[in-house]
Amino acid sequence: NHVKHKPLGFRGYNFPLMFPYIVVSLSLRN
């Protein structure tokens, strides 16, 4: 969905700084 709508200005899913936070959060909540 991101790839399909990116040329139209969609920027909803690209948050690279959130990825380390998500990995650490899921690791601590295993």
Full PDB file with SEQRES, HELIX, SHEET, SSBOND, CRYST1, ORIGX, SCALE, CONECT and MASTER records, all heavy atoms in Angstrom:
SEQRES   1 A   30  ASN HIS VAL LYS HIS LYS PRO LEU GLY PHE ARG GLY TYR          
SEQRES   2 A   30  ASN PHE PRO LEU MET PHE PRO TYR ILE VAL VAL SER LEU          
SEQRES   3 A   30  SER LEU ARG ASN                                              
HELIX    1 AA1 HIS A    2  HIS A    5  1                                   4    
HELIX    2 AA2 LYS A    6  LEU A    8  5                                   3    
HELIX    3 AA3 MET A   18  LEU A   28  1                                  11    
CRYST1    1.000    1.000    1.000  90.00  90.00  90.00 P 1           1          
ORIGX1      1.000000  0.000000  0.000000        0.00000                         
ORIGX2      0.000000  1.000000  0.000000        0.00000                         
ORIGX3      0.000000  0.000000  1.000000        0.00000                         
SCALE1      1.000000  0.000000  0.000000        0.00000                         
SCALE2      0.000000  1.000000  0.000000        0.00000                         
SCALE3      0.000000  0.000000  1.000000        0.00000                         
ATOM      1  N   ASN A   1       0.834  -1.198   0.000  1.00  0.00           N  
ATOM      2  CA  ASN A   1       0.000   0.000   0.000  1.00  0.00           C  
ATOM      3  C   ASN A   1       0.872   1.253   0.000  1.00  0.00           C  
ATOM      4  O   ASN A   1       0.581   2.227  -0.711  1.00  0.00           O  
ATOM      5  CB  ASN A   1      -0.909  -0.027   1.221  1.00  0.00           C  
ATOM      6  CG  ASN A   1      -2.145   0.794   1.050  1.00  0.00           C  
ATOM      7  OD1 ASN A   1      -2.503   1.149  -0.051  1.00  0.00           O  
ATOM      8  ND2 ASN A   1      -2.810   1.078   2.151  1.00  0.00           N  
ATOM      9  N   HIS A   2       1.924   1.230   0.788  1.00  0.00           N  
ATOM     10  CA  HIS A   2       2.858   2.351   0.847  1.00  0.00           C  
ATOM     11  C   HIS A   2       3.501   2.586  -0.519  1.00  0.00           C  
ATOM     12  O   HIS A   2       3.569   3.718  -0.999  1.00  0.00           O  
ATOM     13  CB  HIS A   2       3.926   2.083   1.901  1.00  0.00           C  
ATOM     14  CG  HIS A   2       5.007   3.102   1.947  1.00  0.00           C  
ATOM     15  ND1 HIS A   2       4.847   4.315   2.552  1.00  0.00           N  
ATOM     16  CD2 HIS A   2       6.260   3.091   1.451  1.00  0.00           C  
ATOM     17  CE1 HIS A   2       5.960   5.015   2.430  1.00  0.00           C  
ATOM     18  NE2 HIS A   2       6.831   4.286   1.770  1.00  0.00           N  
ATOM     19  N   VAL A   3       3.963   1.512  -1.159  1.00  0.00           N  
ATOM     20  CA  VAL A   3       4.622   1.623  -2.459  1.00  0.00           C  
ATOM     21  C   VAL A   3       3.639   2.120  -3.521  1.00  0.00           C  
ATOM     22  O   VAL A   3       3.978   2.971  -4.341  1.00  0.00           O  
ATOM     23  CB  VAL A   3       5.234   0.260  -2.871  1.00  0.00           C  
ATOM     24  CG1 VAL A   3       5.702   0.276  -4.315  1.00  0.00           C  
ATOM     25  CG2 VAL A   3       6.374  -0.102  -1.941  1.00  0.00           C  
ATOM     26  N   LYS A   4       2.426   1.612  -3.480  1.00  0.00           N  
ATOM     27  CA  LYS A   4       1.424   1.972  -4.478  1.00  0.00           C  
ATOM     28  C   LYS A   4       1.018   3.438  -4.386  1.00  0.00           C  
ATOM     29  O   LYS A   4       0.830   4.109  -5.398  1.00  0.00           O  
ATOM     30  CB  LYS A   4       0.193   1.087  -4.288  1.00  0.00           C  
ATOM     31  CG  LYS A   4      -0.913   1.334  -5.272  1.00  0.00           C  
ATOM     32  CD  LYS A   4      -2.076   0.394  -5.012  1.00  0.00           C  
ATOM     33  CE  LYS A   4      -3.230   0.671  -5.942  1.00  0.00           C  
ATOM     34  NZ  LYS A   4      -4.371  -0.206  -5.646  1.00  0.00           N  
ATOM     35  N   HIS A   5       0.904   3.957  -3.172  1.00  0.00           N  
ATOM     36  CA  HIS A   5       0.384   5.311  -2.990  1.00  0.00           C  
ATOM     37  C   HIS A   5       1.451   6.357  -2.688  1.00  0.00           C  
ATOM     38  O   HIS A   5       1.121   7.534  -2.545  1.00  0.00           O  
ATOM     39  CB  HIS A   5      -0.668   5.322  -1.884  1.00  0.00           C  
ATOM     40  CG  HIS A   5      -1.852   4.476  -2.212  1.00  0.00           C  
ATOM     41  ND1 HIS A   5      -2.759   4.827  -3.178  1.00  0.00           N  
ATOM     42  CD2 HIS A   5      -2.265   3.279  -1.735  1.00  0.00           C  
ATOM     43  CE1 HIS A   5      -3.688   3.901  -3.274  1.00  0.00           C  
ATOM     44  NE2 HIS A   5      -3.413   2.942  -2.403  1.00  0.00           N  
ATOM     45  N   LYS A   6       2.705   5.949  -2.622  1.00  0.00           N  
ATOM     46  CA  LYS A   6       3.780   6.909  -2.352  1.00  0.00           C  
ATOM     47  C   LYS A   6       3.869   8.009  -3.414  1.00  0.00           C  
ATOM     48  O   LYS A   6       4.065   9.176  -3.071  1.00  0.00           O  
ATOM     49  CB  LYS A   6       5.112   6.182  -2.218  1.00  0.00           C  
ATOM     50  CG  LYS A   6       6.224   7.072  -1.768  1.00  0.00           C  
ATOM     51  CD  LYS A   6       7.501   6.299  -1.548  1.00  0.00           C  
ATOM     52  CE  LYS A   6       8.588   7.233  -1.079  1.00  0.00           C  
ATOM     53  NZ  LYS A   6       9.834   6.516  -0.868  1.00  0.00           N  
ATOM     54  N   PRO A   7       3.722   7.693  -4.725  1.00  0.00           N  
ATOM     55  CA  PRO A   7       3.765   8.776  -5.725  1.00  0.00           C  
ATOM     56  C   PRO A   7       2.657   9.817  -5.556  1.00  0.00           C  
ATOM     57  O   PRO A   7       2.784  10.936  -6.033  1.00  0.00           O  
ATOM     58  CB  PRO A   7       3.598   8.041  -7.056  1.00  0.00           C  
ATOM     59  CG  PRO A   7       4.006   6.652  -6.799  1.00  0.00           C  
ATOM     60  CD  PRO A   7       3.656   6.385  -5.359  1.00  0.00           C  
ATOM     61  N   LEU A   8       1.607   9.457  -4.855  1.00  0.00           N  
ATOM     62  CA  LEU A   8       0.501  10.393  -4.641  1.00  0.00           C  
ATOM     63  C   LEU A   8       0.672  11.211  -3.363  1.00  0.00           C  
ATOM     64  O   LEU A   8      -0.215  11.964  -2.986  1.00  0.00           O  
ATOM     65  CB  LEU A   8      -0.818   9.617  -4.577  1.00  0.00           C  
ATOM     66  CG  LEU A   8      -1.156   8.791  -5.820  1.00  0.00           C  
ATOM     67  CD1 LEU A   8      -2.375   7.927  -5.577  1.00  0.00           C  
ATOM     68  CD2 LEU A   8      -1.350   9.698  -7.012  1.00  0.00           C  
ATOM     69  N   GLY A   9       1.808  11.023  -2.664  1.00  0.00           N  
ATOM     70  CA  GLY A   9       2.076  11.804  -1.473  1.00  0.00           C  
ATOM     71  C   GLY A   9       1.840  11.083  -0.160  1.00  0.00           C  
ATOM     72  O   GLY A   9       1.930  11.679   0.904  1.00  0.00           O  
ATOM     73  N   PHE A  10       1.545   9.792  -0.209  1.00  0.00           N  
ATOM     74  CA  PHE A  10       1.305   9.020   1.011  1.00  0.00           C  
ATOM     75  C   PHE A  10       2.625   8.782   1.739  1.00  0.00           C  
ATOM     76  O   PHE A  10       3.582   8.297   1.161  1.00  0.00           O  
ATOM     77  CB  PHE A  10       0.662   7.685   0.637  1.00  0.00           C  
ATOM     78  CG  PHE A  10       0.378   6.805   1.824  1.00  0.00           C  
ATOM     79  CD1 PHE A  10      -0.630   7.137   2.702  1.00  0.00           C  
ATOM     80  CD2 PHE A  10       1.119   5.672   2.047  1.00  0.00           C  
ATOM     81  CE1 PHE A  10      -0.906   6.330   3.792  1.00  0.00           C  
ATOM     82  CE2 PHE A  10       0.855   4.867   3.127  1.00  0.00           C  
ATOM     83  CZ  PHE A  10      -0.154   5.197   4.003  1.00  0.00           C  
ATOM     84  N   ARG A  11       2.677   9.137   3.034  1.00  0.00           N  
ATOM     85  CA  ARG A  11       3.898   8.957   3.816  1.00  0.00           C  
ATOM     86  C   ARG A  11       3.601   8.275   5.143  1.00  0.00           C  
ATOM     87  O   ARG A  11       4.292   8.484   6.128  1.00  0.00           O  
ATOM     88  CB  ARG A  11       4.530  10.310   4.092  1.00  0.00           C  
ATOM     89  CG  ARG A  11       4.948  11.047   2.867  1.00  0.00           C  
ATOM     90  CD  ARG A  11       5.483  12.399   3.185  1.00  0.00           C  
ATOM     91  NE  ARG A  11       6.134  12.412   4.478  1.00  0.00           N  
ATOM     92  CZ  ARG A  11       6.811  13.403   4.978  1.00  0.00           C  
ATOM     93  NH1 ARG A  11       6.897  14.503   4.303  1.00  0.00           N  
ATOM     94  NH2 ARG A  11       7.365  13.342   6.156  1.00  0.00           N  
ATOM     95  N   GLY A  12       2.604   7.455   5.215  1.00  0.00           N  
ATOM     96  CA  GLY A  12       2.105   6.930   6.468  1.00  0.00           C  
ATOM     97  C   GLY A  12       2.927   5.902   7.197  1.00  0.00           C  
ATOM     98  O   GLY A  12       2.824   5.783   8.405  1.00  0.00           O  
ATOM     99  N   TYR A  13       3.757   5.097   6.535  1.00  0.00           N  
ATOM    100  CA  TYR A  13       4.388   3.972   7.211  1.00  0.00           C  
ATOM    101  C   TYR A  13       5.891   4.072   7.340  1.00  0.00           C  
ATOM    102  O   TYR A  13       6.520   3.162   7.816  1.00  0.00           O  
ATOM    103  CB  TYR A  13       4.065   2.671   6.481  1.00  0.00           C  
ATOM    104  CG  TYR A  13       2.605   2.338   6.488  1.00  0.00           C  
ATOM    105  CD1 TYR A  13       1.883   2.283   5.316  1.00  0.00           C  
ATOM    106  CD2 TYR A  13       1.945   2.104   7.686  1.00  0.00           C  
ATOM    107  CE1 TYR A  13       0.544   1.984   5.325  1.00  0.00           C  
ATOM    108  CE2 TYR A  13       0.598   1.812   7.703  1.00  0.00           C  
ATOM    109  CZ  TYR A  13      -0.093   1.751   6.517  1.00  0.00           C  
ATOM    110  OH  TYR A  13      -1.411   1.462   6.532  1.00  0.00           O  
ATOM    111  N   ASN A  14       6.503   5.113   6.882  1.00  0.00           N  
ATOM    112  CA  ASN A  14       7.955   5.165   6.861  1.00  0.00           C  
ATOM    113  C   ASN A  14       8.495   5.945   8.060  1.00  0.00           C  
ATOM    114  O   ASN A  14       8.748   7.133   7.983  1.00  0.00           O  
ATOM    115  CB  ASN A  14       8.440   5.786   5.552  1.00  0.00           C  
ATOM    116  CG  ASN A  14       9.865   5.416   5.260  1.00  0.00           C  
ATOM    117  OD1 ASN A  14      10.473   4.648   5.988  1.00  0.00           O  
ATOM    118  ND2 ASN A  14      10.401   5.967   4.207  1.00  0.00           N  
ATOM    119  N   PHE A  15       8.684   5.234   9.173  1.00  0.00           N  
ATOM    120  CA  PHE A  15       9.238   5.826  10.386  1.00  0.00           C  
ATOM    121  C   PHE A  15      10.449   5.001  10.813  1.00  0.00           C  
ATOM    122  O   PHE A  15      10.346   4.148  11.693  1.00  0.00           O  
ATOM    123  CB  PHE A  15       8.197   5.847  11.512  1.00  0.00           C  
ATOM    124  CG  PHE A  15       6.977   6.648  11.181  1.00  0.00           C  
ATOM    125  CD1 PHE A  15       5.776   6.007  10.931  1.00  0.00           C  
ATOM    126  CD2 PHE A  15       7.027   8.020  11.107  1.00  0.00           C  
ATOM    127  CE1 PHE A  15       4.637   6.735  10.622  1.00  0.00           C  
ATOM    128  CE2 PHE A  15       5.895   8.759  10.804  1.00  0.00           C  
ATOM    129  CZ  PHE A  15       4.699   8.116  10.561  1.00  0.00           C  
ATOM    130  N   PRO A  16      11.618   5.207  10.199  1.00  0.00           N  
ATOM    131  CA  PRO A  16      12.770   4.358  10.482  1.00  0.00           C  
ATOM    132  C   PRO A  16      13.255   4.427  11.928  1.00  0.00           C  
ATOM    133  O   PRO A  16      13.820   3.462  12.432  1.00  0.00           O  
ATOM    134  CB  PRO A  16      13.848   4.851   9.526  1.00  0.00           C  
ATOM    135  CG  PRO A  16      13.343   6.070   8.881  1.00  0.00           C  
ATOM    136  CD  PRO A  16      11.894   6.204   9.173  1.00  0.00           C  
ATOM    137  N   LEU A  17      13.019   5.517  12.621  1.00  0.00           N  
ATOM    138  CA  LEU A  17      13.478   5.618  14.008  1.00  0.00           C  
ATOM    139  C   LEU A  17      12.589   4.835  14.971  1.00  0.00           C  
ATOM    140  O   LEU A  17      12.983   4.565  16.102  1.00  0.00           O  
ATOM    141  CB  LEU A  17      13.545   7.082  14.429  1.00  0.00           C  
ATOM    142  CG  LEU A  17      14.551   7.928  13.655  1.00  0.00           C  
ATOM    143  CD1 LEU A  17      14.486   9.368  14.124  1.00  0.00           C  
ATOM    144  CD2 LEU A  17      15.954   7.378  13.792  1.00  0.00           C  
ATOM    145  N   MET A  18      11.400   4.452  14.523  1.00  0.00           N  
ATOM    146  CA  MET A  18      10.511   3.665  15.367  1.00  0.00           C  
ATOM    147  C   MET A  18      10.896   2.187  15.403  1.00  0.00           C  
ATOM    148  O   MET A  18      10.568   1.484  16.344  1.00  0.00           O  
ATOM    149  CB  MET A  18       9.070   3.776  14.859  1.00  0.00           C  
ATOM    150  CG  MET A  18       8.408   5.083  15.189  1.00  0.00           C  
ATOM    151  SD  MET A  18       8.255   5.359  16.952  1.00  0.00           S  
ATOM    152  CE  MET A  18       7.005   4.178  17.375  1.00  0.00           C  
ATOM    153  N   PHE A  19      11.597   1.712  14.378  1.00  0.00           N  
ATOM    154  CA  PHE A  19      11.925   0.297  14.302  1.00  0.00           C  
ATOM    155  C   PHE A  19      12.759  -0.180  15.484  1.00  0.00           C  
ATOM    156  O   PHE A  19      12.412  -1.197  16.104  1.00  0.00           O  
ATOM    157  CB  PHE A  19      12.621  -0.024  12.973  1.00  0.00           C  
ATOM    158  CG  PHE A  19      12.898  -1.478  12.792  1.00  0.00           C  
ATOM    159  CD1 PHE A  19      11.855  -2.377  12.646  1.00  0.00           C  
ATOM    160  CD2 PHE A  19      14.186  -1.955  12.798  1.00  0.00           C  
ATOM    161  CE1 PHE A  19      12.102  -3.722  12.492  1.00  0.00           C  
ATOM    162  CE2 PHE A  19      14.443  -3.296  12.649  1.00  0.00           C  
ATOM    163  CZ  PHE A  19      13.399  -4.184  12.487  1.00  0.00           C  
ATOM    164  N   PRO A  20      13.856   0.506  15.872  1.00  0.00           N  
ATOM    165  CA  PRO A  20      14.594   0.036  17.055  1.00  0.00           C  
ATOM    166  C   PRO A  20      13.735   0.045  18.318  1.00  0.00           C  
ATOM    167  O   PRO A  20      13.834  -0.863  19.152  1.00  0.00           O  
ATOM    168  CB  PRO A  20      15.752   1.017  17.190  1.00  0.00           C  
ATOM    169  CG  PRO A  20      15.882   1.654  15.866  1.00  0.00           C  
ATOM    170  CD  PRO A  20      14.525   1.623  15.236  1.00  0.00           C  
ATOM    171  N   TYR A  21      12.872   1.029  18.456  1.00  0.00           N  
ATOM    172  CA  TYR A  21      11.984   1.093  19.608  1.00  0.00           C  
ATOM    173  C   TYR A  21      11.043  -0.112  19.642  1.00  0.00           C  
ATOM    174  O   TYR A  21      10.816  -0.711  20.693  1.00  0.00           O  
ATOM    175  CB  TYR A  21      11.178   2.392  19.568  1.00  0.00           C  
ATOM    176  CG  TYR A  21      10.081   2.444  20.593  1.00  0.00           C  
ATOM    177  CD1 TYR A  21      10.369   2.667  21.935  1.00  0.00           C  
ATOM    178  CD2 TYR A  21       8.754   2.240  20.223  1.00  0.00           C  
ATOM    179  CE1 TYR A  21       9.360   2.698  22.878  1.00  0.00           C  
ATOM    180  CE2 TYR A  21       7.747   2.273  21.154  1.00  0.00           C  
ATOM    181  CZ  TYR A  21       8.048   2.498  22.483  1.00  0.00           C  
ATOM    182  OH  TYR A  21       7.054   2.512  23.411  1.00  0.00           O  
ATOM    183  N   ILE A  22      10.489  -0.464  18.493  1.00  0.00           N  
ATOM    184  CA  ILE A  22       9.567  -1.606  18.409  1.00  0.00           C  
ATOM    185  C   ILE A  22      10.287  -2.902  18.736  1.00  0.00           C  
ATOM    186  O   ILE A  22       9.775  -3.750  19.469  1.00  0.00           O  
ATOM    187  CB  ILE A  22       8.910  -1.659  17.020  1.00  0.00           C  
ATOM    188  CG1 ILE A  22       7.958  -0.479  16.852  1.00  0.00           C  
ATOM    189  CG2 ILE A  22       8.179  -2.972  16.806  1.00  0.00           C  
ATOM    190  CD1 ILE A  22       7.468  -0.276  15.446  1.00  0.00           C  
ATOM    191  N   VAL A  23      11.503  -3.076  18.216  1.00  0.00           N  
ATOM    192  CA  VAL A  23      12.273  -4.298  18.483  1.00  0.00           C  
ATOM    193  C   VAL A  23      12.584  -4.420  19.968  1.00  0.00           C  
ATOM    194  O   VAL A  23      12.398  -5.486  20.565  1.00  0.00           O  
ATOM    195  CB  VAL A  23      13.565  -4.316  17.640  1.00  0.00           C  
ATOM    196  CG1 VAL A  23      14.482  -5.437  18.075  1.00  0.00           C  
ATOM    197  CG2 VAL A  23      13.229  -4.452  16.163  1.00  0.00           C  
ATOM    198  N   VAL A  24      13.036  -3.347  20.584  1.00  0.00           N  
ATOM    199  CA  VAL A  24      13.348  -3.386  22.016  1.00  0.00           C  
ATOM    200  C   VAL A  24      12.081  -3.621  22.835  1.00  0.00           C  
ATOM    201  O   VAL A  24      12.074  -4.424  23.770  1.00  0.00           O  
ATOM    202  CB  VAL A  24      14.051  -2.080  22.449  1.00  0.00           C  
ATOM    203  CG1 VAL A  24      14.158  -1.974  23.955  1.00  0.00           C  
ATOM    204  CG2 VAL A  24      15.430  -1.996  21.821  1.00  0.00           C  
ATOM    205  N   SER A  25      11.003  -2.962  22.462  1.00  0.00           N  
ATOM    206  CA  SER A  25       9.749  -3.126  23.189  1.00  0.00           C  
ATOM    207  C   SER A  25       9.248  -4.564  23.127  1.00  0.00           C  
ATOM    208  O   SER A  25       8.857  -5.137  24.148  1.00  0.00           O  
ATOM    209  CB  SER A  25       8.701  -2.183  22.603  1.00  0.00           C  
ATOM    210  OG  SER A  25       7.454  -2.405  23.190  1.00  0.00           O  
ATOM    211  N   LEU A  26       9.280  -5.167  21.944  1.00  0.00           N  
ATOM    212  CA  LEU A  26       8.817  -6.548  21.816  1.00  0.00           C  
ATOM    213  C   LEU A  26       9.771  -7.524  22.497  1.00  0.00           C  
ATOM    214  O   LEU A  26       9.344  -8.561  22.999  1.00  0.00           O  
ATOM    215  CB  LEU A  26       8.621  -6.905  20.345  1.00  0.00           C  
ATOM    216  CG  LEU A  26       7.432  -6.225  19.665  1.00  0.00           C  
ATOM    217  CD1 LEU A  26       7.424  -6.532  18.181  1.00  0.00           C  
ATOM    218  CD2 LEU A  26       6.131  -6.644  20.311  1.00  0.00           C  
ATOM    219  N   SER A  27      11.059  -7.206  22.512  1.00  0.00           N  
ATOM    220  CA  SER A  27      12.019  -8.076  23.191  1.00  0.00           C  
ATOM    221  C   SER A  27      11.805  -8.071  24.700  1.00  0.00           C  
ATOM    222  O   SER A  27      11.886  -9.111  25.347  1.00  0.00           O  
ATOM    223  CB  SER A  27      13.453  -7.616  22.894  1.00  0.00           C  
ATOM    224  OG  SER A  27      13.713  -7.705  21.522  1.00  0.00           O  
ATOM    225  N   LEU A  28      11.528  -6.904  25.246  1.00  0.00           N  
ATOM    226  CA  LEU A  28      11.312  -6.811  26.683  1.00  0.00           C  
ATOM    227  C   LEU A  28       9.955  -7.361  27.109  1.00  0.00           C  
ATOM    228  O   LEU A  28       9.755  -7.690  28.276  1.00  0.00           O  
ATOM    229  CB  LEU A  28      11.432  -5.351  27.135  1.00  0.00           C  
ATOM    230  CG  LEU A  28      12.822  -4.750  27.021  1.00  0.00           C  
ATOM    231  CD1 LEU A  28      12.780  -3.274  27.401  1.00  0.00           C  
ATOM    232  CD2 LEU A  28      13.821  -5.499  27.889  1.00  0.00           C  
ATOM    233  N   ARG A  29       9.036  -7.457  26.176  1.00  0.00           N  
ATOM    234  CA  ARG A  29       7.693  -7.945  26.498  1.00  0.00           C  
ATOM    235  C   ARG A  29       7.462  -9.378  26.034  1.00  0.00           C  
ATOM    236  O   ARG A  29       6.338  -9.795  25.846  1.00  0.00           O  
ATOM    237  CB  ARG A  29       6.656  -7.049  25.843  1.00  0.00           C  
ATOM    238  CG  ARG A  29       6.636  -5.685  26.433  1.00  0.00           C  
ATOM    239  CD  ARG A  29       5.671  -4.834  25.690  1.00  0.00           C  
ATOM    240  NE  ARG A  29       5.302  -3.697  26.511  1.00  0.00           N  
ATOM    241  CZ  ARG A  29       4.231  -2.986  26.317  1.00  0.00           C  
ATOM    242  NH1 ARG A  29       3.411  -3.274  25.348  1.00  0.00           N  
ATOM    243  NH2 ARG A  29       3.972  -1.964  27.093  1.00  0.00           N  
ATOM    244  N   ASN A  30       8.528 -10.129  25.837  1.00  0.00           N  
ATOM    245  CA  ASN A  30       8.353 -11.492  25.346  1.00  0.00           C  
ATOM    246  C   ASN A  30       7.611 -12.348  26.358  1.00  0.00           C  
ATOM    247  O   ASN A  30       7.624 -12.074  27.548  1.00  0.00           O  
ATOM    248  CB  ASN A  30       9.697 -12.108  24.941  1.00  0.00           C  
ATOM    249  CG  ASN A  30      10.604 -12.370  26.115  1.00  0.00           C  
ATOM    250  OD1 ASN A  30      10.164 -12.837  27.146  1.00  0.00           O  
ATOM    251  ND2 ASN A  30      11.869 -12.074  25.952  1.00  0.00           N  
TER     252      ASN A  30                                                      
MASTER        0    0    0    3    0    0    0    6  251    1    0    3          
END                                                                             
